């Protein structure tokens, strides 16, 4: 997989926990990834999902392992995406399982 420095990640808060996406964005940036401004997901989820644009599945799996996302978290990016991706290849829909304000 590509190194974190070549990957842009958007964290979208799907947890309902205020500040969780910003906190997770800081943690991901600390791992060497490029990040864009965190946002809110269009709907709440039970658990974290990582959406990957085509060709970035291996990178999504590496990110999932790095943040402790649940088994099966990595999903293909829908077309159209569920939110504005701001050019990110990976979108973390942050669920309450990994959310901390």
Protein backbone atom coordinates (compact mmCIF):
# COMPACT_ATOMS: atom_id res chain seq x y z
CA UNK A 1 0.00 0.00 0.00
CA UNK A 2 0.95 3.64 -0.45
CA UNK A 3 2.59 5.37 2.54
CA UNK A 4 0.32 7.51 4.76
CA UNK A 5 1.94 10.71 3.44
CA UNK A 6 0.38 10.03 0.01
CA UNK A 7 -3.14 9.48 1.36
CA UNK A 8 -5.75 12.09 2.25
CA UNK A 9 -8.32 11.19 4.89
CA UNK A 10 -11.61 12.87 5.72
CA UNK A 11 -13.16 12.08 9.10
CA UNK A 12 -16.93 12.53 9.25
CA UNK A 13 -18.67 12.30 12.62
CA UNK A 14 -21.35 9.61 12.50
CA UNK A 15 -21.36 9.12 16.28
CA UNK A 16 -23.27 12.05 17.71
CA UNK A 17 -20.32 12.70 20.06
CA UNK A 18 -19.36 16.36 19.78
CA UNK A 19 -15.73 16.91 18.80
CA UNK A 20 -15.08 13.26 17.98
CA UNK A 21 -14.22 13.83 14.30
CA UNK A 22 -11.72 16.56 15.19
CA UNK A 23 -10.07 14.34 17.80
CA UNK A 24 -9.84 11.41 15.36
CA UNK A 25 -8.51 13.71 12.61
CA UNK A 26 -5.69 14.81 14.94
CA UNK A 27 -4.87 11.18 15.75
CA UNK A 28 -4.81 10.20 12.07
CA UNK A 29 -2.65 13.21 11.18
CA UNK A 30 -0.30 12.11 13.95
CA UNK A 31 0.11 8.84 12.05
CA UNK A 32 1.47 10.71 9.04
CA UNK A 33 -1.68 10.92 6.94
CA UNK A 34 -2.83 14.02 5.12
CA UNK A 35 -6.17 15.19 6.49
CA UNK A 36 -8.87 17.64 5.46
CA UNK A 37 -11.30 19.60 7.63
CA UNK A 38 -13.49 17.16 9.63
CA UNK A 39 -17.21 17.25 9.05
CA UNK A 40 -20.46 15.60 10.13
CA UNK A 41 -21.74 12.48 8.40
CA UNK A 42 -25.22 12.62 6.86
CA UNK A 43 -26.47 9.95 9.29
CA UNK A 44 -25.45 8.26 12.52
CA UNK A 45 -23.97 4.77 12.35
CA UNK A 46 -23.69 1.99 14.93
CA UNK A 47 -20.02 1.42 14.15
CA UNK A 48 -17.17 3.03 12.25
CA UNK A 49 -16.90 2.56 8.49
CA UNK A 50 -14.01 3.49 6.18
CA UNK A 51 -15.00 4.27 2.61
CA UNK A 52 -12.26 3.84 -0.01
CA UNK A 53 -12.15 5.17 -3.55
CA UNK A 54 -11.25 2.47 -6.12
CA UNK A 55 -7.63 1.35 -5.82
CA UNK A 56 -7.25 2.42 -2.19
CA UNK A 57 -8.65 -0.70 -0.51
CA UNK A 58 -5.25 -1.77 0.88
CA UNK A 59 -4.67 1.72 2.27
CA UNK A 60 -8.12 1.68 3.85
CA UNK A 61 -7.32 -1.65 5.52
CA UNK A 62 -4.06 -0.21 6.88
CA UNK A 63 -5.90 2.83 8.25
CA UNK A 64 -8.57 0.58 9.76
CA UNK A 65 -5.88 -1.37 11.61
CA UNK A 66 -4.17 1.85 12.73
CA UNK A 67 -7.31 3.31 14.32
CA UNK A 68 -8.75 0.03 15.60
CA UNK A 69 -11.80 0.01 13.34
CA UNK A 70 -14.06 -3.06 13.58
CA UNK A 71 -13.87 -6.09 11.29
CA UNK A 72 -15.58 -5.34 7.98
CA UNK A 73 -15.29 -1.57 8.42
CA UNK A 74 -13.74 -1.01 4.97
CA UNK A 75 -16.35 -0.45 2.26
CA UNK A 76 -16.15 0.80 -1.33
CA UNK A 77 -16.96 4.48 -1.79
CA UNK A 78 -20.53 4.74 -3.10
CA UNK A 79 -21.14 6.63 -6.33
CA UNK A 80 -22.15 9.30 -5.64
CA UNK A 81 -20.37 9.57 -2.27
CA UNK A 82 -22.57 10.15 0.82
CA UNK A 83 -20.89 13.50 1.44
CA UNK A 84 -18.45 15.96 -0.11
CA UNK A 85 -15.09 14.16 0.13
CA UNK A 86 -12.91 17.29 -0.27
CA UNK A 87 -10.58 15.23 -2.47
CA UNK A 88 -9.90 12.55 0.16
CA UNK A 89 -9.26 8.99 -0.99
CA UNK A 90 -10.45 7.59 2.35
CA UNK A 91 -13.49 8.72 4.34
CA UNK A 92 -13.81 7.60 7.94
CA UNK A 93 -17.46 7.57 9.03
CA UNK A 94 -16.71 7.70 12.74
CA UNK A 95 -19.13 5.66 14.80
CA UNK A 96 -19.68 5.62 18.57
CA UNK A 97 -17.36 2.61 18.87
CA UNK A 98 -14.30 4.81 18.22
CA UNK A 99 -15.65 8.24 19.14
CA UNK A 100 -14.16 10.28 21.93
CA UNK A 101 -14.77 14.00 22.31
